[in-house]
Amino acid sequence: MPSIGQDFSIYQGALEVVEIAVTDSTGGAIDLTLFDSLCWILSKDGTEILKESSTELDIINMDSTGDGVRITLYSSETAALDRGKLYEHQLWGTLSTEPRPISVGHVTVLRGDGC
């Protein structure tokens, strides 16, 4: 079962660096280094941002070894998102060729001009 409720906000048009701690249903850390590959998807109504492990995701240490992921969203990517909208995000991992959801949540896009 994926870690749920990983909700956060970002600003439209801003460079955003997001860190997500990944835990199992009991709150224990999941070691992301055990997965063959990772991908993170932000989507809503046909708009999608995809980040893949080897080039666009960093596995980091949060509470334990390799239990977090750092995602960089560039201003050109966040500018294309609709402010005030709620997007869904999912982190998927592949283990022995079987993809599985690891973490899910929602992202709220806030107005990026400070008003």
Foldseek 3Di string as FASTA:
>chain_A
DAAEAQEEEDEALAKDKDKDFFADPVRHADAQVQFPWKKKWKDDPPQIDIAIGPPFKDQDDDPHHRRMIIGIDHSVNRNPDDAQDKIKMWMWTHHPNDIDTHYIHIYHYHHHPPD
